[in-house]
Amino acid sequence: MKSTVIAAAVALLFASCVVARNCTPGLNYCGQTLVDIGRYQQQINQALSDADQTKINNGLGDLFHCVGGSNGDINWVQHCGRCTDGGAGSSDYCA
């Protein structure tokens, strides 16, 4: 019983440490990168809709610009044949 309570407490501790983060203002991000760093799918969908773009593969291969703000707002930039992660601190790009 005691070990079950301890295991549950440890699991809750680790679960609370997983935090989504926002994009860095001024950088461009592939849709897949945005989904990997945070809960961006709804914002991707909205950015595609705002730009009158067809959703292809949920926007994961599209390029978005990080406007920033408290929610890490994004704008759609372009569809990519292949979107490449530029690495930490650098913009992603279409290849």
N, C-alpha and C. Protein backbone atom coordinates (compact mmCIF):
# COMPACT_ATOMS: atom_id res chain seq x y z
N MET A 1 0.83 -1.19 0.00
CA MET A 1 0.00 0.00 0.00
C MET A 1 0.87 1.25 0.00
N LYS A 2 1.88 1.27 0.89
CA LYS A 2 2.75 2.43 1.01
C LYS A 2 3.51 2.66 -0.30
N SER A 3 4.02 1.60 -0.92
CA SER A 3 4.77 1.75 -2.17
C SER A 3 3.87 2.23 -3.30
N THR A 4 2.60 1.87 -3.29
CA THR A 4 1.65 2.33 -4.30
C THR A 4 1.44 3.84 -4.18
N VAL A 5 1.32 4.32 -2.96
CA VAL A 5 1.13 5.75 -2.72
C VAL A 5 2.37 6.52 -3.15
N ILE A 6 3.54 6.01 -2.83
CA ILE A 6 4.79 6.66 -3.23
C ILE A 6 4.92 6.68 -4.75
N ALA A 7 4.63 5.57 -5.40
CA ALA A 7 4.71 5.51 -6.86
C ALA A 7 3.74 6.50 -7.51
N ALA A 8 2.55 6.62 -6.97
CA ALA A 8 1.57 7.57 -7.50
C ALA A 8 2.05 9.01 -7.32
N ALA A 9 2.65 9.30 -6.18
CA ALA A 9 3.15 10.65 -5.91
C ALA A 9 4.30 11.00 -6.86
N VAL A 10 5.18 10.06 -7.11
CA VAL A 10 6.29 10.28 -8.03
C VAL A 10 5.77 10.50 -9.45
N ALA A 11 4.79 9.72 -9.87
CA ALA A 11 4.21 9.88 -11.20
C ALA A 11 3.57 11.26 -11.36
N LEU A 12 2.87 11.73 -10.34
CA LEU A 12 2.27 13.07 -10.39
C LEU A 12 3.33 14.16 -10.45
N LEU A 13 4.42 13.97 -9.74
CA LEU A 13 5.50 14.94 -9.75
C LEU A 13 6.08 15.07 -11.15
N PHE A 14 6.36 13.95 -11.81
CA PHE A 14 6.90 13.99 -13.17
C PHE A 14 5.90 14.55 -14.15
N ALA A 15 4.65 14.24 -14.01
CA ALA A 15 3.61 14.74 -14.92
C ALA A 15 3.50 16.26 -14.82
N SER A 16 3.66 16.81 -13.64
CA SER A 16 3.55 18.26 -13.47
C SER A 16 4.76 18.99 -14.02
N CYS A 17 5.87 18.29 -14.25
CA CYS A 17 7.09 18.92 -14.77
C CYS A 17 7.06 19.08 -16.28
N VAL A 18 6.18 18.38 -16.97
CA VAL A 18 6.09 18.48 -18.42
C VAL A 18 5.29 19.73 -18.75
N VAL A 19 5.97 20.74 -19.28
CA VAL A 19 5.33 22.01 -19.56
C VAL A 19 5.52 22.36 -21.03
N ALA A 20 4.43 22.76 -21.67
CA ALA A 20 4.54 23.23 -23.05
C ALA A 20 5.20 24.60 -23.03
N ARG A 21 5.95 24.90 -24.08
CA ARG A 21 6.58 26.21 -24.14
C ARG A 21 6.11 26.95 -25.38
N ASN A 22 6.33 28.24 -25.40
CA ASN A 22 5.95 29.06 -26.55
C ASN A 22 7.11 29.16 -27.53
N CYS A 23 6.77 29.53 -28.75
CA CYS A 23 7.78 29.79 -29.77
C CYS A 23 8.55 31.07 -29.42
N THR A 24 9.70 31.25 -30.04
CA THR A 24 10.52 32.44 -29.83
C THR A 24 10.13 33.49 -30.86
N PRO A 25 9.70 34.68 -30.41
CA PRO A 25 9.28 35.72 -31.35
C PRO A 25 10.37 36.04 -32.38
N GLY A 26 9.93 36.17 -33.64
CA GLY A 26 10.85 36.50 -34.72
C GLY A 26 11.38 35.31 -35.49
N LEU A 27 11.26 34.11 -34.92
CA LEU A 27 11.75 32.92 -35.61
C LEU A 27 10.62 32.26 -36.40
N ASN A 28 11.00 31.53 -37.45
CA ASN A 28 10.05 30.73 -38.23
C ASN A 28 10.12 29.28 -37.77
N TYR A 29 8.97 28.63 -37.77
CA TYR A 29 8.87 27.26 -37.29
C TYR A 29 8.08 26.39 -38.24
N CYS A 30 8.55 25.16 -38.44
CA CYS A 30 7.74 24.16 -39.13
C CYS A 30 6.58 23.81 -38.20
N GLY A 31 5.45 23.44 -38.79
CA GLY A 31 4.31 23.03 -37.99
C GLY A 31 4.66 21.89 -37.05
N GLN A 32 5.45 20.92 -37.53
CA GLN A 32 5.83 19.78 -36.70
C GLN A 32 6.63 20.24 -35.49
N THR A 33 7.52 21.20 -35.68
CA THR A 33 8.31 21.73 -34.56
C THR A 33 7.41 22.38 -33.53
N LEU A 34 6.42 23.15 -34.00
CA LEU A 34 5.49 23.81 -33.07
C LEU A 34 4.72 22.78 -32.24
N VAL A 35 4.28 21.71 -32.88
CA VAL A 35 3.54 20.66 -32.17
C VAL A 35 4.47 19.98 -31.16
N ASP A 36 5.75 19.82 -31.52
CA ASP A 36 6.70 19.17 -30.61
C ASP A 36 7.00 20.02 -29.37
N ILE A 37 7.00 21.36 -29.50
CA ILE A 37 7.35 22.20 -28.35
C ILE A 37 6.15 22.60 -27.50
N GLY A 38 4.96 22.49 -28.04
CA GLY A 38 3.80 22.91 -27.27
C GLY A 38 2.50 22.45 -27.89
N ARG A 39 1.43 22.92 -27.33
CA ARG A 39 0.09 22.56 -27.83
C ARG A 39 -0.32 23.56 -28.90
N TYR A 40 0.24 23.41 -30.08
CA TYR A 40 0.06 24.39 -31.15
C TYR A 40 -0.93 23.98 -32.23
N GLN A 41 -1.51 22.78 -32.19
CA GLN A 41 -2.34 22.35 -33.32
C GLN A 41 -3.51 23.30 -33.57
N GLN A 42 -4.18 23.77 -32.53
CA GLN A 42 -5.30 24.70 -32.73
C GLN A 42 -4.83 26.01 -33.34
N GLN A 43 -3.67 26.52 -32.91
CA GLN A 43 -3.14 27.75 -33.48
C GLN A 43 -2.72 27.55 -34.94
N ILE A 44 -2.18 26.38 -35.26
CA ILE A 44 -1.82 26.07 -36.64
C ILE A 44 -3.08 26.08 -37.49
N ASN A 45 -4.12 25.41 -37.02
CA ASN A 45 -5.39 25.38 -37.76
C ASN A 45 -5.92 26.80 -37.98
N GLN A 46 -5.86 27.64 -36.94
CA GLN A 46 -6.36 29.01 -37.05
C GLN A 46 -5.51 29.84 -38.01
N ALA A 47 -4.19 29.69 -37.94
CA ALA A 47 -3.30 30.44 -38.83
C ALA A 47 -3.55 30.06 -40.29
N LEU A 48 -3.78 28.78 -40.56
CA LEU A 48 -4.10 28.33 -41.92
C LEU A 48 -5.42 28.92 -42.38
N SER A 49 -6.41 28.91 -41.50
CA SER A 49 -7.72 29.47 -41.83
C SER A 49 -7.63 30.98 -42.07
N ASP A 50 -6.91 31.68 -41.21
CA ASP A 50 -6.75 33.13 -41.36
C ASP A 50 -6.09 33.50 -42.68
N ALA A 51 -5.19 32.64 -43.16
CA ALA A 51 -4.47 32.89 -44.41
C ALA A 51 -5.17 32.29 -45.62
N ASP A 52 -6.39 31.74 -45.42
CA ASP A 52 -7.15 31.10 -46.50
C ASP A 52 -6.38 29.96 -47.17
N GLN A 53 -5.70 29.17 -46.38
CA GLN A 53 -4.88 28.08 -46.90
C GLN A 53 -5.54 26.73 -46.63
N THR A 54 -5.33 25.82 -47.55
CA THR A 54 -5.82 24.45 -47.40
C THR A 54 -4.94 23.73 -46.37
N LYS A 55 -5.58 23.01 -45.47
CA LYS A 55 -4.83 22.25 -44.47
C LYS A 55 -4.33 20.97 -45.12
N ILE A 56 -3.01 20.86 -45.25
CA ILE A 56 -2.37 19.66 -45.79
C ILE A 56 -1.58 19.03 -44.64
N ASN A 57 -1.87 17.77 -44.34
CA ASN A 57 -1.18 17.05 -43.26
C ASN A 57 -1.20 17.85 -41.95
N ASN A 58 -2.35 18.46 -41.65
CA ASN A 58 -2.54 19.24 -40.42
C ASN A 58 -1.57 20.41 -40.28
N GLY A 59 -0.98 20.85 -41.40
CA GLY A 59 -0.05 21.98 -41.36
C GLY A 59 1.31 21.64 -40.81
N LEU A 60 1.59 20.36 -40.60
CA LEU A 60 2.85 19.96 -39.99
C LEU A 60 4.05 20.27 -40.88
N GLY A 61 3.86 20.29 -42.20
CA GLY A 61 4.95 20.59 -43.13
C GLY A 61 4.96 22.03 -43.59
N ASP A 62 4.11 22.87 -43.02
CA ASP A 62 4.06 24.28 -43.39
C ASP A 62 5.00 25.09 -42.49
N LEU A 63 5.33 26.30 -42.95
CA LEU A 63 6.21 27.19 -42.21
C LEU A 63 5.38 28.31 -41.59
N PHE A 64 5.63 28.61 -40.32
CA PHE A 64 4.89 29.64 -39.58
C PHE A 64 5.88 30.61 -38.94
N HIS A 65 5.47 31.86 -38.81
CA HIS A 65 6.29 32.89 -38.16
C HIS A 65 5.76 33.12 -36.75
N CYS A 66 6.65 33.12 -35.78
CA CYS A 66 6.26 33.36 -34.39
C CYS A 66 6.17 34.85 -34.13
N VAL A 67 4.96 35.31 -33.86
CA VAL A 67 4.71 36.71 -33.52
C VAL A 67 5.03 36.93 -32.05
N GLY A 68 4.72 35.93 -31.23
CA GLY A 68 5.01 36.00 -29.80
C GLY A 68 3.78 36.31 -28.98
N GLY A 69 3.98 36.99 -27.87
CA GLY A 69 2.89 37.26 -26.94
C GLY A 69 2.76 36.16 -25.92
N SER A 70 1.81 36.30 -25.03
CA SER A 70 1.64 35.34 -23.93
C SER A 70 1.23 33.95 -24.41
N ASN A 71 0.62 33.87 -25.60
CA ASN A 71 0.20 32.58 -26.15
C ASN A 71 1.13 32.07 -27.24
N GLY A 72 2.19 32.79 -27.55
CA GLY A 72 3.09 32.38 -28.62
C GLY A 72 2.38 32.38 -29.96
N ASP A 73 1.73 33.51 -30.30
CA ASP A 73 0.95 33.61 -31.54
C ASP A 73 1.81 33.39 -32.77
N ILE A 74 1.20 32.80 -33.80
CA ILE A 74 1.89 32.49 -35.05
C ILE A 74 1.09 32.96 -36.25
N ASN A 75 1.79 33.20 -37.35
CA ASN A 75 1.17 33.49 -38.65
C ASN A 75 1.71 32.49 -39.66
N TRP A 76 0.85 32.10 -40.61
CA TRP A 76 1.26 31.19 -41.67
C TRP A 76 2.19 31.92 -42.63
N VAL A 77 3.25 31.25 -43.09
CA VAL A 77 4.19 31.82 -44.05
C VAL A 77 4.05 31.15 -45.41
N GLN A 78 4.22 29.81 -45.45
CA GLN A 78 4.13 29.10 -46.72
C GLN A 78 4.05 27.59 -46.53
N HIS A 79 3.55 26.91 -47.58
CA HIS A 79 3.60 25.45 -47.64
C HIS A 79 5.02 25.08 -48.03
N CYS A 80 5.54 24.00 -47.49
CA CYS A 80 6.88 23.54 -47.83
C CYS A 80 6.80 22.17 -48.48
N GLY A 81 7.67 21.93 -49.45
CA GLY A 81 7.82 20.58 -49.97
C GLY A 81 8.38 19.70 -48.87
N ARG A 82 9.34 20.27 -48.17
CA ARG A 82 9.93 19.63 -47.00
C ARG A 82 10.34 20.74 -46.05
N CYS A 83 9.88 20.69 -44.83
CA CYS A 83 10.20 21.71 -43.84
C CYS A 83 11.32 21.17 -42.96
N THR A 84 12.35 21.98 -42.75
CA THR A 84 13.54 21.54 -42.04
C THR A 84 13.72 22.32 -40.74
N ASP A 85 13.96 21.60 -39.66
CA ASP A 85 14.21 22.20 -38.35
C ASP A 85 15.59 22.84 -38.37
N GLY A 86 15.65 24.14 -38.12
CA GLY A 86 16.92 24.87 -38.14
C GLY A 86 17.74 24.72 -36.87
N GLY A 87 17.20 24.06 -35.86
CA GLY A 87 17.92 23.88 -34.60
C GLY A 87 17.60 24.98 -33.60
N ALA A 88 18.01 24.78 -32.38
CA ALA A 88 17.72 25.72 -31.29
C ALA A 88 18.25 27.11 -31.61
N GLY A 89 17.39 28.12 -31.47
CA GLY A 89 17.78 29.50 -31.66
C GLY A 89 17.84 29.96 -33.10
N SER A 90 17.51 29.09 -34.05
CA SER A 90 17.53 29.43 -35.48
C SER A 90 16.17 29.14 -36.09
N SER A 91 15.85 29.86 -37.16
CA SER A 91 14.58 29.63 -37.85
C SER A 91 14.59 28.32 -38.61
N ASP A 92 13.44 27.66 -38.64
CA ASP A 92 13.23 26.52 -39.52
C ASP A 92 13.06 27.07 -40.93
N TYR A 93 13.13 26.21 -41.94
CA TYR A 93 13.06 26.68 -43.32
C TYR A 93 12.53 25.59 -44.24
N CYS A 94 12.06 26.03 -45.41
CA CYS A 94 11.61 25.10 -46.44
C CYS A 94 12.82 24.63 -47.23
N ALA A 95 12.87 23.33 -47.51
CA ALA A 95 14.00 22.78 -48.28
C ALA A 95 13.52 22.27 -49.62
